[in-house]
Amino acid sequence: MKQNLNNIINGVDYYPHQLNTNKTDDDEICILVFANCHNKYPLEKLGSKDLKAFIEFCKKIEKMTWKQIKLDEGLNYETPKHFNVSMPDLFPKDATAVSLRASKKFRIIGWRETKYLNLMWFDRNHESYPG
């Protein structure tokens, strides 16, 4: 106990428990961000089956690390280089687009910033990207 008390000052433990960890952003749990949804392929245009698939997609992905997302065959994680439509102004110039399969009929298009997935399009029928 004495060793622990010497390392704790004002309730903060200053003793490094792990040194030189190789943890990356891919080890973080994905956090969905809805603030950048765009009206080109909006969420509200999805039918009831697609909305149900989207809810299941969210339930699944919010428990996964980025490493798991990239390896999951059902999500079919891709970083497309071209789209059938132009990117909206809200898409950052230095970002890499991410495409994920929510169902066989529609894909989620957005971009990643560290552990965050910025959702942009809910593309049913693969109109923006054939994926």
C-alpha atoms as a PDB file:
ATOM      1  CA  MET A   1       0.000   0.000   0.000  1.00  0.00           C
ATOM      2  CA  LYS A   2       2.792   2.442   0.829  1.00  0.00           C
ATOM      3  CA  GLN A   3       4.134   2.271  -2.735  1.00  0.00           C
ATOM      4  CA  ASN A   4       0.694   3.050  -4.171  1.00  0.00           C
ATOM      5  CA  LEU A   5       0.133   5.962  -1.784  1.00  0.00           C
ATOM      6  CA  ASN A   6       3.475   7.508  -2.732  1.00  0.00           C
ATOM      7  CA  ASN A   7       2.450   7.529  -6.403  1.00  0.00           C
ATOM      8  CA  ILE A   8      -1.009   9.013  -5.894  1.00  0.00           C
ATOM      9  CA  ILE A   9      -1.244  12.781  -5.509  1.00  0.00           C
ATOM     10  CA  ASN A  10      -4.664  14.400  -5.176  1.00  0.00           C
ATOM     11  CA  GLY A  11      -6.346  11.215  -6.394  1.00  0.00           C
ATOM     12  CA  VAL A  12      -4.232  10.960  -9.569  1.00  0.00           C
ATOM     13  CA  ASP A  13      -1.927   7.988 -10.035  1.00  0.00           C
ATOM     14  CA  TYR A  14       1.259   9.330 -11.626  1.00  0.00           C
ATOM     15  CA  TYR A  15       3.039   6.014 -11.790  1.00  0.00           C
ATOM     16  CA  PRO A  16       3.122   4.667 -15.361  1.00  0.00           C
ATOM     17  CA  HIS A  17       1.647   1.186 -15.270  1.00  0.00           C
ATOM     18  CA  GLN A  18       2.560   0.381 -18.863  1.00  0.00           C
ATOM     19  CA  LEU A  19       5.507   1.789 -20.714  1.00  0.00           C
ATOM     20  CA  ASN A  20       5.985   1.772 -24.481  1.00  0.00           C
ATOM     21  CA  THR A  21       2.613   0.312 -25.369  1.00  0.00           C
ATOM     22  CA  ASN A  22       2.047  -0.190 -29.059  1.00  0.00           C
ATOM     23  CA  LYS A  23      -1.591   0.829 -28.834  1.00  0.00           C
ATOM     24  CA  THR A  24      -2.899   2.603 -31.927  1.00  0.00           C
ATOM     25  CA  ASP A  25      -6.193   4.168 -32.949  1.00  0.00           C
ATOM     26  CA  ASP A  26      -7.106   0.771 -34.447  1.00  0.00           C
ATOM     27  CA  ASP A  27      -7.259  -0.594 -30.882  1.00  0.00           C
ATOM     28  CA  GLU A  28      -9.951   1.941 -29.939  1.00  0.00           C
ATOM     29  CA  ILE A  29     -13.689   1.228 -29.935  1.00  0.00           C
ATOM     30  CA  CYS A  30     -15.442   2.962 -32.841  1.00  0.00           C
ATOM     31  CA  ILE A  31     -17.584   5.961 -31.929  1.00  0.00           C
ATOM     32  CA  LEU A  32     -20.257   7.009 -34.423  1.00  0.00           C
ATOM     33  CA  VAL A  33     -20.658  10.726 -35.215  1.00  0.00           C
ATOM     34  CA  PHE A  34     -23.907  11.901 -36.819  1.00  0.00           C
ATOM     35  CA  ALA A  35     -23.036  15.621 -36.956  1.00  0.00           C
ATOM     36  CA  ASN A  36     -21.832  15.403 -40.569  1.00  0.00           C
ATOM     37  CA  CYS A  37     -24.755  13.572 -42.159  1.00  0.00           C
ATOM     38  CA  HIS A  38     -25.348  14.965 -45.628  1.00  0.00           C
ATOM     39  CA  ASN A  39     -28.666  15.329 -47.454  1.00  0.00           C
ATOM     40  CA  LYS A  40     -27.485  13.597 -50.667  1.00  0.00           C
ATOM     41  CA  TYR A  41     -28.243  10.141 -49.219  1.00  0.00           C
ATOM     42  CA  PRO A  42     -30.050  10.905 -45.936  1.00  0.00           C
ATOM     43  CA  LEU A  43     -30.955   8.505 -43.171  1.00  0.00           C
ATOM     44  CA  GLU A  44     -34.638   9.450 -43.302  1.00  0.00           C
ATOM     45  CA  LYS A  45     -34.924   8.125 -46.890  1.00  0.00           C
ATOM     46  CA  LEU A  46     -34.181   4.565 -45.779  1.00  0.00           C
ATOM     47  CA  GLY A  47     -37.081   2.123 -45.718  1.00  0.00           C
ATOM     48  CA  SER A  48     -38.064   0.194 -42.619  1.00  0.00           C
ATOM     49  CA  LYS A  49     -35.934  -2.869 -43.529  1.00  0.00           C
ATOM     50  CA  ASP A  50     -32.891  -0.663 -44.129  1.00  0.00           C
ATOM     51  CA  LEU A  51     -33.479   1.220 -40.871  1.00  0.00           C
ATOM     52  CA  LYS A  52     -33.630  -2.076 -39.022  1.00  0.00           C
ATOM     53  CA  ALA A  53     -30.361  -3.135 -40.708  1.00  0.00           C
ATOM     54  CA  PHE A  54     -28.816   0.209 -39.745  1.00  0.00           C
ATOM     55  CA  ILE A  55     -29.798  -0.259 -36.095  1.00  0.00           C
ATOM     56  CA  GLU A  56     -28.207  -3.718 -36.123  1.00  0.00           C
ATOM     57  CA  PHE A  57     -25.123  -2.219 -37.798  1.00  0.00           C
ATOM     58  CA  CYS A  58     -24.855   0.389 -35.007  1.00  0.00           C
ATOM     59  CA  LYS A  59     -25.316  -2.203 -32.263  1.00  0.00           C
ATOM     60  CA  LYS A  60     -22.556  -4.305 -33.790  1.00  0.00           C
ATOM     61  CA  ILE A  61     -20.027  -1.608 -34.605  1.00  0.00           C
ATOM     62  CA  GLU A  62     -20.278   0.316 -31.326  1.00  0.00           C
ATOM     63  CA  LYS A  63     -18.776  -2.701 -29.537  1.00  0.00           C
ATOM     64  CA  MET A  64     -15.910  -3.220 -31.978  1.00  0.00           C
ATOM     65  CA  THR A  65     -12.400  -1.861 -32.246  1.00  0.00           C
ATOM     66  CA  TRP A  66     -11.265  -0.459 -35.570  1.00  0.00           C
ATOM     67  CA  LYS A  67      -9.023  -3.490 -35.975  1.00  0.00           C
ATOM     68  CA  GLN A  68     -12.055  -5.770 -35.641  1.00  0.00           C
ATOM     69  CA  ILE A  69     -14.085  -3.603 -38.039  1.00  0.00           C
ATOM     70  CA  LYS A  70     -11.404  -3.807 -40.713  1.00  0.00           C
ATOM     71  CA  LEU A  71     -11.247  -7.609 -40.432  1.00  0.00           C
ATOM     72  CA  ASP A  72     -14.993  -8.274 -40.236  1.00  0.00           C
ATOM     73  CA  GLU A  73     -16.083  -9.780 -43.568  1.00  0.00           C
ATOM     74  CA  GLY A  74     -19.724  -8.838 -43.023  1.00  0.00           C
ATOM     75  CA  LEU A  75     -18.902  -5.131 -42.753  1.00  0.00           C
ATOM     76  CA  ASN A  76     -16.662  -5.242 -45.842  1.00  0.00           C
ATOM     77  CA  TYR A  77     -14.567  -2.224 -44.742  1.00  0.00           C
ATOM     78  CA  GLU A  78     -13.211  -0.353 -47.767  1.00  0.00           C
ATOM     79  CA  THR A  79     -11.458   2.930 -48.478  1.00  0.00           C
ATOM     80  CA  PRO A  80     -12.725   3.773 -51.979  1.00  0.00           C
ATOM     81  CA  LYS A  81     -10.642   5.989 -54.227  1.00  0.00           C
ATOM     82  CA  HIS A  82     -13.505   7.078 -56.482  1.00  0.00           C
ATOM     83  CA  PHE A  83     -17.245   7.631 -56.243  1.00  0.00           C
ATOM     84  CA  ASN A  84     -20.035   7.975 -58.783  1.00  0.00           C
ATOM     85  CA  VAL A  85     -20.862  11.394 -57.303  1.00  0.00           C
ATOM     86  CA  SER A  86     -18.699  14.255 -56.080  1.00  0.00           C
ATOM     87  CA  MET A  87     -17.918  14.651 -52.411  1.00  0.00           C
ATOM     88  CA  PRO A  88     -19.799  17.403 -50.571  1.00  0.00           C
ATOM     89  CA  ASP A  89     -17.997  20.450 -49.187  1.00  0.00           C
ATOM     90  CA  LEU A  90     -18.238  19.097 -45.634  1.00  0.00           C
ATOM     91  CA  PHE A  91     -15.915  16.201 -46.544  1.00  0.00           C
ATOM     92  CA  PRO A  92     -12.412  17.187 -45.337  1.00  0.00           C
ATOM     93  CA  LYS A  93      -9.886  17.583 -48.164  1.00  0.00           C
ATOM     94  CA  ASP A  94      -7.291  15.460 -46.330  1.00  0.00           C
ATOM     95  CA  ALA A  95      -9.715  12.719 -45.219  1.00  0.00           C
ATOM     96  CA  THR A  96      -9.948   9.190 -46.569  1.00  0.00           C
ATOM     97  CA  ALA A  97     -13.440   7.984 -47.351  1.00  0.00           C
ATOM     98  CA  VAL A  98     -14.631   4.836 -45.611  1.00  0.00           C
ATOM     99  CA  SER A  99     -17.344   2.519 -46.887  1.00  0.00           C
ATOM    100  CA  LEU A 100     -19.005  -0.099 -44.701  1.00  0.00           C
ATOM    101  CA  ARG A 101     -21.728  -2.578 -45.553  1.00  0.00           C
ATOM    102  CA  ALA A 102     -24.818  -2.130 -43.392  1.00  0.00           C
ATOM    103  CA  SER A 103     -26.787  -4.636 -45.474  1.00  0.00           C
ATOM    104  CA  LYS A 104     -26.631  -6.158 -48.936  1.00  0.00           C
ATOM    105  CA  LYS A 105     -28.687  -3.234 -50.189  1.00  0.00           C
ATOM    106  CA  PHE A 106     -26.965  -0.276 -48.612  1.00  0.00           C
ATOM    107  CA  ARG A 107     -23.635   1.059 -47.453  1.00  0.00           C
ATOM    108  CA  ILE A 108     -22.533   3.639 -44.928  1.00  0.00           C
ATOM    109  CA  ILE A 109     -20.141   6.218 -46.376  1.00  0.00           C
ATOM    110  CA  GLY A 110     -18.134   8.562 -44.187  1.00  0.00           C
ATOM    111  CA  TRP A 111     -14.635   9.199 -42.947  1.00  0.00           C
ATOM    112  CA  ARG A 112     -12.585   8.265 -39.957  1.00  0.00           C
ATOM    113  CA  GLU A 113     -10.879  10.620 -37.525  1.00  0.00           C
ATOM    114  CA  THR A 114      -8.912   8.630 -34.940  1.00  0.00           C
ATOM    115  CA  LYS A 115     -11.553   6.497 -33.192  1.00  0.00           C
ATOM    116  CA  TYR A 116     -14.517   8.375 -34.678  1.00  0.00           C
ATOM    117  CA  LEU A 117     -16.537   7.366 -37.735  1.00  0.00           C
ATOM    118  CA  ASN A 118     -18.131  10.474 -39.220  1.00  0.00           C
ATOM    119  CA  LEU A 119     -21.290   9.276 -40.944  1.00  0.00           C
ATOM    120  CA  MET A 120     -22.011  11.162 -44.158  1.00  0.00           C
ATOM    121  CA  TRP A 121     -24.198   9.083 -46.501  1.00  0.00           C
ATOM    122  CA  PHE A 122     -26.642   6.218 -46.068  1.00  0.00           C
ATOM    123  CA  ASP A 123     -26.396   4.918 -49.602  1.00  0.00           C
ATOM    124  CA  ARG A 124     -28.985   2.330 -50.482  1.00  0.00           C
ATOM    125  CA  ASN A 125     -28.728   0.680 -53.875  1.00  0.00           C
ATOM    126  CA  HIS A 126     -24.994   1.529 -54.049  1.00  0.00           C
ATOM    127  CA  GLU A 127     -25.573   4.755 -55.999  1.00  0.00           C
ATOM    128  CA  SER A 128     -22.528   6.667 -54.740  1.00  0.00           C
ATOM    129  CA  TYR A 129     -20.132   3.733 -54.689  1.00  0.00           C
ATOM    130  CA  PRO A 130     -20.687   0.273 -56.193  1.00  0.00           C
ATOM    131  CA  GLY A 131     -18.886  -1.480 -53.299  1.00  0.00           C
END
